[in-house]
Amino acid sequence: MQLGKVIGRATSTVKHPTLKGWRMLLIQPLGPNGSPDGAPQLVIDNQGGGKGDTVIISSDGKTAKEMVGADTTPARWHVLGIVD
């Protein structure tokens, strides 16, 4: 798990069939001191995060596959929650 800042949304006219209906956010992972930690990641979201929100993200691919209900999904990162 890691904190991240929502920096945008991704829209697509064509996407992998397992991602249809999922919101995709562009999230900048944050380090312990709040500074950027690595490259932004494309993350599936079912929590309703918006631009500027701080969220908790996970790179647990197994959980992402369970969320979308398919072992063939390319999704790896997902939002676990929104930080108040």
PDB file of N, CA and C in Angstrom:
ATOM      1  N   MET A   1       0.836  -1.173   0.000  1.00  0.00           N
ATOM      2  CA  MET A   1       0.000   0.000   0.000  1.00  0.00           C
ATOM      3  C   MET A   1       0.880   1.235   0.000  1.00  0.00           C
ATOM      4  N   GLN A   2       0.343   2.275  -0.636  1.00  0.00           N
ATOM      5  CA  GLN A   2       1.102   3.507  -0.764  1.00  0.00           C
ATOM      6  C   GLN A   2       0.126   4.659  -0.958  1.00  0.00           C
ATOM      7  N   LEU A   3       0.505   5.826  -0.487  1.00  0.00           N
ATOM      8  CA  LEU A   3      -0.301   7.011  -0.744  1.00  0.00           C
ATOM      9  C   LEU A   3      -0.002   7.540  -2.135  1.00  0.00           C
ATOM     10  N   GLY A   4      -0.981   8.165  -2.745  1.00  0.00           N
ATOM     11  CA  GLY A   4      -0.802   8.761  -4.057  1.00  0.00           C
ATOM     12  C   GLY A   4      -1.726   9.947  -4.222  1.00  0.00           C
ATOM     13  N   LYS A   5      -1.392  10.829  -5.145  1.00  0.00           N
ATOM     14  CA  LYS A   5      -2.193  12.011  -5.439  1.00  0.00           C
ATOM     15  C   LYS A   5      -2.795  11.832  -6.831  1.00  0.00           C
ATOM     16  N   VAL A   6      -4.131  12.009  -6.933  1.00  0.00           N
ATOM     17  CA  VAL A   6      -4.807  11.909  -8.224  1.00  0.00           C
ATOM     18  C   VAL A   6      -4.440  13.142  -9.039  1.00  0.00           C
ATOM     19  N   ILE A   7      -3.820  12.913 -10.201  1.00  0.00           N
ATOM     20  CA  ILE A   7      -3.411  14.033 -11.050  1.00  0.00           C
ATOM     21  C   ILE A   7      -4.243  14.120 -12.329  1.00  0.00           C
ATOM     22  N   GLY A   8      -5.112  13.149 -12.540  1.00  0.00           N
ATOM     23  CA  GLY A   8      -5.960  13.201 -13.728  1.00  0.00           C
ATOM     24  C   GLY A   8      -6.766  11.935 -13.911  1.00  0.00           C
ATOM     25  N   ARG A   9      -7.539  11.938 -14.978  1.00  0.00           N
ATOM     26  CA  ARG A   9      -8.374  10.798 -15.339  1.00  0.00           C
ATOM     27  C   ARG A   9      -7.985  10.328 -16.719  1.00  0.00           C
ATOM     28  N   ALA A  10      -8.129   9.059 -16.977  1.00  0.00           N
ATOM     29  CA  ALA A  10      -7.864   8.519 -18.309  1.00  0.00           C
ATOM     30  C   ALA A  10      -9.195   8.123 -18.929  1.00  0.00           C
ATOM     31  N   THR A  11      -9.390   8.511 -20.178  1.00  0.00           N
ATOM     32  CA  THR A  11     -10.562   8.075 -20.918  1.00  0.00           C
ATOM     33  C   THR A  11     -10.088   7.339 -22.157  1.00  0.00           C
ATOM     34  N   SER A  12     -10.871   6.367 -22.563  1.00  0.00           N
ATOM     35  CA  SER A  12     -10.467   5.550 -23.689  1.00  0.00           C
ATOM     36  C   SER A  12     -11.699   5.091 -24.456  1.00  0.00           C
ATOM     37  N   THR A  13     -11.619   5.160 -25.773  1.00  0.00           N
ATOM     38  CA  THR A  13     -12.722   4.647 -26.576  1.00  0.00           C
ATOM     39  C   THR A  13     -12.595   3.146 -26.769  1.00  0.00           C
ATOM     40  N   VAL A  14     -11.372   2.654 -26.656  1.00  0.00           N
ATOM     41  CA  VAL A  14     -11.129   1.213 -26.769  1.00  0.00           C
ATOM     42  C   VAL A  14     -10.254   0.809 -25.594  1.00  0.00           C
ATOM     43  N   LYS A  15     -10.694  -0.197 -24.862  1.00  0.00           N
ATOM     44  CA  LYS A  15      -9.884  -0.685 -23.756  1.00  0.00           C
ATOM     45  C   LYS A  15     -10.077  -2.187 -23.615  1.00  0.00           C
ATOM     46  N   HIS A  16      -9.234  -2.785 -22.835  1.00  0.00           N
ATOM     47  CA  HIS A  16      -9.320  -4.230 -22.600  1.00  0.00           C
ATOM     48  C   HIS A  16     -10.731  -4.551 -22.104  1.00  0.00           C
ATOM     49  N   PRO A  17     -11.331  -5.639 -22.581  1.00  0.00           N
ATOM     50  CA  PRO A  17     -12.705  -5.976 -22.187  1.00  0.00           C
ATOM     51  C   PRO A  17     -12.922  -6.062 -20.673  1.00  0.00           C
ATOM     52  N   THR A  18     -11.916  -6.448 -19.916  1.00  0.00           N
ATOM     53  CA  THR A  18     -12.082  -6.570 -18.466  1.00  0.00           C
ATOM     54  C   THR A  18     -12.129  -5.212 -17.769  1.00  0.00           C
ATOM     55  N   LEU A  19     -11.785  -4.140 -18.481  1.00  0.00           N
ATOM     56  CA  LEU A  19     -11.773  -2.809 -17.874  1.00  0.00           C
ATOM     57  C   LEU A  19     -12.988  -1.969 -18.257  1.00  0.00           C
ATOM     58  N   LYS A  20     -13.890  -2.525 -19.056  1.00  0.00           N
ATOM     59  CA  LYS A  20     -15.105  -1.785 -19.427  1.00  0.00           C
ATOM     60  C   LYS A  20     -15.917  -1.497 -18.169  1.00  0.00           C
ATOM     61  N   GLY A  21     -16.317  -0.241 -18.030  1.00  0.00           N
ATOM     62  CA  GLY A  21     -17.098   0.170 -16.876  1.00  0.00           C
ATOM     63  C   GLY A  21     -16.268   0.640 -15.691  1.00  0.00           C
ATOM     64  N   TRP A  22     -14.962   0.483 -15.758  1.00  0.00           N
ATOM     65  CA  TRP A  22     -14.085   0.908 -14.660  1.00  0.00           C
ATOM     66  C   TRP A  22     -13.556   2.310 -14.913  1.00  0.00           C
ATOM     67  N   ARG A  23     -13.524   3.131 -13.854  1.00  0.00           N
ATOM     68  CA  ARG A  23     -12.873   4.435 -13.922  1.00  0.00           C
ATOM     69  C   ARG A  23     -11.378   4.205 -13.835  1.00  0.00           C
ATOM     70  N   MET A  24     -10.636   4.942 -14.613  1.00  0.00           N
ATOM     71  CA  MET A  24      -9.180   4.856 -14.576  1.00  0.00           C
ATOM     72  C   MET A  24      -8.613   6.225 -14.236  1.00  0.00           C
ATOM     73  N   LEU A  25      -7.785   6.251 -13.206  1.00  0.00           N
ATOM     74  CA  LEU A  25      -7.178   7.495 -12.746  1.00  0.00           C
ATOM     75  C   LEU A  25      -5.676   7.464 -12.957  1.00  0.00           C
ATOM     76  N   LEU A  26      -5.108   8.624 -13.194  1.00  0.00           N
ATOM     77  CA  LEU A  26      -3.661   8.775 -13.253  1.00  0.00           C
ATOM     78  C   LEU A  26      -3.226   9.266 -11.880  1.00  0.00           C
ATOM     79  N   ILE A  27      -2.400   8.472 -11.217  1.00  0.00           N
ATOM     80  CA  ILE A  27      -2.020   8.768  -9.833  1.00  0.00           C
ATOM     81  C   ILE A  27      -0.506   8.829  -9.694  1.00  0.00           C
ATOM     82  N   GLN A  28      -0.053   9.895  -9.011  1.00  0.00           N
ATOM     83  CA  GLN A  28       1.359  10.059  -8.697  1.00  0.00           C
ATOM     84  C   GLN A  28       1.615   9.445  -7.329  1.00  0.00           C
ATOM     85  N   PRO A  29       2.338   8.318  -7.276  1.00  0.00           N
ATOM     86  CA  PRO A  29       2.666   7.746  -5.956  1.00  0.00           C
ATOM     87  C   PRO A  29       3.501   8.742  -5.139  1.00  0.00           C
ATOM     88  N   LEU A  30       3.283   8.730  -3.828  1.00  0.00           N
ATOM     89  CA  LEU A  30       3.994   9.635  -2.930  1.00  0.00           C
ATOM     90  C   LEU A  30       4.878   8.852  -1.973  1.00  0.00           C
ATOM     91  N   GLY A  31       6.042   9.417  -1.669  1.00  0.00           N
ATOM     92  CA  GLY A  31       6.954   8.820  -0.700  1.00  0.00           C
ATOM     93  C   GLY A  31       6.548   9.185   0.719  1.00  0.00           C
ATOM     94  N   PRO A  32       7.320   8.723   1.702  1.00  0.00           N
ATOM     95  CA  PRO A  32       7.004   8.977   3.110  1.00  0.00           C
ATOM     96  C   PRO A  32       6.929  10.465   3.472  1.00  0.00           C
ATOM     97  N   ASN A  33       7.686  11.286   2.766  1.00  0.00           N
ATOM     98  CA  ASN A  33       7.686  12.724   3.080  1.00  0.00           C
ATOM     99  C   ASN A  33       6.710  13.513   2.206  1.00  0.00           C
ATOM    100  N   GLY A  34       5.893  12.824   1.397  1.00  0.00           N
ATOM    101  CA  GLY A  34       4.897  13.478   0.556  1.00  0.00           C
ATOM    102  C   GLY A  34       5.387  13.907  -0.809  1.00  0.00           C
ATOM    103  N   SER A  35       6.645  13.627  -1.134  1.00  0.00           N
ATOM    104  CA  SER A  35       7.175  13.995  -2.444  1.00  0.00           C
ATOM    105  C   SER A  35       6.913  12.859  -3.442  1.00  0.00           C
ATOM    106  N   PRO A  36       6.924  13.174  -4.750  1.00  0.00           N
ATOM    107  CA  PRO A  36       6.682  12.140  -5.760  1.00  0.00           C
ATOM    108  C   PRO A  36       7.654  10.978  -5.610  1.00  0.00           C
ATOM    109  N   ASP A  37       7.137   9.773  -5.806  1.00  0.00           N
ATOM    110  CA  ASP A  37       7.936   8.552  -5.669  1.00  0.00           C
ATOM    111  C   ASP A  37       7.736   7.689  -6.911  1.00  0.00           C
ATOM    112  N   GLY A  38       8.526   7.956  -7.942  1.00  0.00           N
ATOM    113  CA  GLY A  38       8.428   7.182  -9.169  1.00  0.00           C
ATOM    114  C   GLY A  38       7.475   7.813 -10.171  1.00  0.00           C
ATOM    115  N   ALA A  39       7.231   7.067 -11.237  1.00  0.00           N
ATOM    116  CA  ALA A  39       6.389   7.549 -12.326  1.00  0.00           C
ATOM    117  C   ALA A  39       4.906   7.424 -11.970  1.00  0.00           C
ATOM    118  N   PRO A  40       4.058   8.298 -12.540  1.00  0.00           N
ATOM    119  CA  PRO A  40       2.618   8.161 -12.336  1.00  0.00           C
ATOM    120  C   PRO A  40       2.128   6.796 -12.837  1.00  0.00           C
ATOM    121  N   GLN A  41       1.072   6.302 -12.209  1.00  0.00           N
ATOM    122  CA  GLN A  41       0.522   4.987 -12.539  1.00  0.00           C
ATOM    123  C   GLN A  41      -0.935   5.131 -12.966  1.00  0.00           C
ATOM    124  N   LEU A  42      -1.368   4.260 -13.884  1.00  0.00           N
ATOM    125  CA  LEU A  42      -2.760   4.172 -14.276  1.00  0.00           C
ATOM    126  C   LEU A  42      -3.421   3.179 -13.334  1.00  0.00           C
ATOM    127  N   VAL A  43      -4.457   3.628 -12.630  1.00  0.00           N
ATOM    128  CA  VAL A  43      -5.038   2.880 -11.521  1.00  0.00           C
ATOM    129  C   VAL A  43      -6.544   2.743 -11.723  1.00  0.00           C
ATOM    130  N   ILE A  44      -7.099   1.547 -11.487  1.00  0.00           N
ATOM    131  CA  ILE A  44      -8.550   1.405 -11.546  1.00  0.00           C
ATOM    132  C   ILE A  44      -9.136   1.882 -10.218  1.00  0.00           C
ATOM    133  N   ASP A  45     -10.325   2.492 -10.308  1.00  0.00           N
ATOM    134  CA  ASP A  45     -10.913   3.124  -9.124  1.00  0.00           C
ATOM    135  C   ASP A  45     -12.391   2.781  -9.007  1.00  0.00           C
ATOM    136  N   ASN A  46     -12.784   2.296  -7.843  1.00  0.00           N
ATOM    137  CA  ASN A  46     -14.200   2.086  -7.551  1.00  0.00           C
ATOM    138  C   ASN A  46     -14.610   2.868  -6.306  1.00  0.00           C
ATOM    139  N   GLN A  47     -13.752   3.796  -5.878  1.00  0.00           N
ATOM    140  CA  GLN A  47     -14.012   4.582  -4.672  1.00  0.00           C
ATOM    141  C   GLN A  47     -14.498   5.998  -4.975  1.00  0.00           C
ATOM    142  N   GLY A  48     -14.352   6.455  -6.212  1.00  0.00           N
ATOM    143  CA  GLY A  48     -14.823   7.790  -6.576  1.00  0.00           C
ATOM    144  C   GLY A  48     -13.820   8.903  -6.360  1.00  0.00           C
ATOM    145  N   GLY A  49     -12.542   8.601  -6.462  1.00  0.00           N
ATOM    146  CA  GLY A  49     -11.511   9.619  -6.294  1.00  0.00           C
ATOM    147  C   GLY A  49     -11.546  10.641  -7.414  1.00  0.00           C
ATOM    148  N   GLY A  50     -11.162  11.873  -7.085  1.00  0.00           N
ATOM    149  CA  GLY A  50     -11.134  12.944  -8.072  1.00  0.00           C
ATOM    150  C   GLY A  50      -9.802  13.670  -8.046  1.00  0.00           C
ATOM    151  N   LYS A  51      -9.596  14.514  -9.045  1.00  0.00           N
ATOM    152  CA  LYS A  51      -8.337  15.249  -9.175  1.00  0.00           C
ATOM    153  C   LYS A  51      -8.030  16.014  -7.896  1.00  0.00           C
ATOM    154  N   GLY A  52      -6.800  15.841  -7.413  1.00  0.00           N
ATOM    155  CA  GLY A  52      -6.349  16.509  -6.197  1.00  0.00           C
ATOM    156  C   GLY A  52      -6.520  15.682  -4.935  1.00  0.00           C
ATOM    157  N   ASP A  53      -7.300  14.607  -4.999  1.00  0.00           N
ATOM    158  CA  ASP A  53      -7.495  13.745  -3.826  1.00  0.00           C
ATOM    159  C   ASP A  53      -6.232  12.953  -3.509  1.00  0.00           C
ATOM    160  N   THR A  54      -6.006  12.729  -2.228  1.00  0.00           N
ATOM    161  CA  THR A  54      -4.962  11.802  -1.795  1.00  0.00           C
ATOM    162  C   THR A  54      -5.656  10.472  -1.560  1.00  0.00           C
ATOM    163  N   VAL A  55      -5.106   9.419  -2.169  1.00  0.00           N
ATOM    164  CA  VAL A  55      -5.719   8.097  -2.093  1.00  0.00           C
ATOM    165  C   VAL A  55      -4.703   7.061  -1.628  1.00  0.00           C
ATOM    166  N   ILE A  56      -5.223   5.935  -1.186  1.00  0.00           N
ATOM    167  CA  ILE A  56      -4.382   4.794  -0.842  1.00  0.00           C
ATOM    168  C   ILE A  56      -4.464   3.838  -2.028  1.00  0.00           C
ATOM    169  N   ILE A  57      -3.302   3.481  -2.582  1.00  0.00           N
ATOM    170  CA  ILE A  57      -3.270   2.593  -3.737  1.00  0.00           C
ATOM    171  C   ILE A  57      -2.486   1.327  -3.400  1.00  0.00           C
ATOM    172  N   SER A  58      -2.756   0.288  -4.174  1.00  0.00           N
ATOM    173  CA  SER A  58      -2.058  -0.978  -3.984  1.00  0.00           C
ATOM    174  C   SER A  58      -1.682  -1.541  -5.346  1.00  0.00           C
ATOM    175  N   SER A  59      -0.538  -2.190  -5.399  1.00  0.00           N
ATOM    176  CA  SER A  59      -0.095  -2.832  -6.637  1.00  0.00           C
ATOM    177  C   SER A  59      -0.294  -4.340  -6.584  1.00  0.00           C
ATOM    178  N   ASP A  60      -1.192  -4.797  -5.726  1.00  0.00           N
ATOM    179  CA  ASP A  60      -1.476  -6.220  -5.598  1.00  0.00           C
ATOM    180  C   ASP A  60      -2.303  -6.678  -6.807  1.00  0.00           C
ATOM    181  N   GLY A  61      -1.642  -7.264  -7.773  1.00  0.00           N
ATOM    182  CA  GLY A  61      -2.303  -7.704  -8.995  1.00  0.00           C
ATOM    183  C   GLY A  61      -3.386  -8.739  -8.759  1.00  0.00           C
ATOM    184  N   LYS A  62      -3.207  -9.600  -7.774  1.00  0.00           N
ATOM    185  CA  LYS A  62      -4.207 -10.631  -7.493  1.00  0.00           C
ATOM    186  C   LYS A  62      -5.527 -10.004  -7.061  1.00  0.00           C
ATOM    187  N   THR A  63      -5.456  -9.002  -6.206  1.00  0.00           N
ATOM    188  CA  THR A  63      -6.667  -8.322  -5.759  1.00  0.00           C
ATOM    189  C   THR A  63      -7.323  -7.581  -6.911  1.00  0.00           C
ATOM    190  N   ALA A  64      -6.532  -6.953  -7.780  1.00  0.00           N
ATOM    191  CA  ALA A  64      -7.085  -6.257  -8.947  1.00  0.00           C
ATOM    192  C   ALA A  64      -7.832  -7.249  -9.840  1.00  0.00           C
ATOM    193  N   LYS A  65      -7.279  -8.426 -10.029  1.00  0.00           N
ATOM    194  CA  LYS A  65      -7.943  -9.451 -10.843  1.00  0.00           C
ATOM    195  C   LYS A  65      -9.254  -9.889 -10.202  1.00  0.00           C
ATOM    196  N   GLU A  66      -9.265 -10.007  -8.886  1.00  0.00           N
ATOM    197  CA  GLU A  66     -10.501 -10.370  -8.181  1.00  0.00           C
ATOM    198  C   GLU A  66     -11.536  -9.253  -8.299  1.00  0.00           C
ATOM    199  N   MET A  67     -11.088  -7.994  -8.246  1.00  0.00           N
ATOM    200  CA  MET A  67     -12.006  -6.863  -8.346  1.00  0.00           C
ATOM    201  C   MET A  67     -12.734  -6.844  -9.687  1.00  0.00           C
ATOM    202  N   VAL A  68     -11.994  -7.053 -10.770  1.00  0.00           N
ATOM    203  CA  VAL A  68     -12.618  -7.001 -12.097  1.00  0.00           C
ATOM    204  C   VAL A  68     -13.225  -8.340 -12.497  1.00  0.00           C
ATOM    205  N   GLY A  69     -12.909  -9.380 -11.766  1.00  0.00           N
ATOM    206  CA  GLY A  69     -13.501 -10.687 -12.023  1.00  0.00           C
ATOM    207  C   GLY A  69     -12.921 -11.427 -13.206  1.00  0.00           C
ATOM    208  N   ALA A  70     -11.627 -11.195 -13.490  1.00  0.00           N
ATOM    209  CA  ALA A  70     -10.995 -11.878 -14.629  1.00  0.00           C
ATOM    210  C   ALA A  70      -9.502 -12.027 -14.394  1.00  0.00           C
ATOM    211  N   ASP A  71      -8.999 -13.215 -14.667  1.00  0.00           N
ATOM    212  CA  ASP A  71      -7.560 -13.465 -14.527  1.00  0.00           C
ATOM    213  C   ASP A  71      -6.744 -12.849 -15.655  1.00  0.00           C
ATOM    214  N   THR A  72      -7.400 -12.446 -16.741  1.00  0.00           N
ATOM    215  CA  THR A  72      -6.682 -11.939 -17.910  1.00  0.00           C
ATOM    216  C   THR A  72      -6.562 -10.420 -17.945  1.00  0.00           C
ATOM    217  N   THR A  73      -7.030  -9.743 -16.910  1.00  0.00           N
ATOM    218  CA  THR A  73      -6.982  -8.280 -16.916  1.00  0.00           C
ATOM    219  C   THR A  73      -5.552  -7.748 -16.843  1.00  0.00           C
ATOM    220  N   PRO A  74      -5.276  -6.649 -17.539  1.00  0.00           N
ATOM    221  CA  PRO A  74      -3.955  -6.029 -17.426  1.00  0.00           C
ATOM    222  C   PRO A  74      -3.840  -5.127 -16.188  1.00  0.00           C
ATOM    223  N   ALA A  75      -4.944  -4.947 -15.460  1.00  0.00           N
ATOM    224  CA  ALA A  75      -4.931  -4.070 -14.283  1.00  0.00           C
ATOM    225  C   ALA A  75      -4.052  -4.656 -13.187  1.00  0.00           C
ATOM    226  N   ARG A  76      -3.258  -3.779 -12.583  1.00  0.00           N
ATOM    227  CA  ARG A  76      -2.451  -4.183 -11.439  1.00  0.00           C
ATOM    228  C   ARG A  76      -2.685  -3.248 -10.266  1.00  0.00           C
ATOM    229  N   TRP A  77      -2.675  -1.945 -10.511  1.00  0.00           N
ATOM    230  CA  TRP A  77      -2.879  -0.950  -9.453  1.00  0.00           C
ATOM    231  C   TRP A  77      -4.358  -0.685  -9.265  1.00  0.00           C
ATOM    232  N   HIS A  78      -4.764  -0.478  -8.005  1.00  0.00           N
ATOM    233  CA  HIS A  78      -6.150  -0.136  -7.712  1.00  0.00           C
ATOM    234  C   HIS A  78      -6.216   0.748  -6.462  1.00  0.00           C
ATOM    235  N   VAL A  79      -7.295   1.519  -6.376  1.00  0.00           N
ATOM    236  CA  VAL A  79      -7.515   2.411  -5.239  1.00  0.00           C
ATOM    237  C   VAL A  79      -8.183   1.616  -4.124  1.00  0.00           C
ATOM    238  N   LEU A  80      -7.593   1.700  -2.929  1.00  0.00           N
ATOM    239  CA  LEU A  80      -8.182   1.051  -1.763  1.00  0.00           C
ATOM    240  C   LEU A  80      -9.088   1.991  -0.984  1.00  0.00           C
ATOM    241  N   GLY A  81      -8.763   3.279  -0.987  1.00  0.00           N
ATOM    242  CA  GLY A  81      -9.567   4.237  -0.240  1.00  0.00           C
ATOM    243  C   GLY A  81      -9.095   5.664  -0.481  1.00  0.00           C
ATOM    244  N   ILE A  82      -9.936   6.607  -0.054  1.00  0.00           N
ATOM    245  CA  ILE A  82      -9.624   8.022  -0.170  1.00  0.00           C
ATOM    246  C   ILE A  82      -9.279   8.551   1.212  1.00  0.00           C
ATOM    247  N   VAL A  83      -8.185   9.287   1.313  1.00  0.00           N
ATOM    248  CA  VAL A  83      -7.724   9.840   2.597  1.00  0.00           C
ATOM    249  C   VAL A  83      -8.550  11.096   2.898  1.00  0.00           C
ATOM    250  N   ASP A  84      -9.085  11.163   4.113  1.00  0.00           N
ATOM    251  CA  ASP A  84      -9.865  12.351   4.531  1.00  0.00           C
ATOM    252  C   ASP A  84      -8.966  13.525   4.755  1.00  0.00           C
TER     253      ASP A  84
END
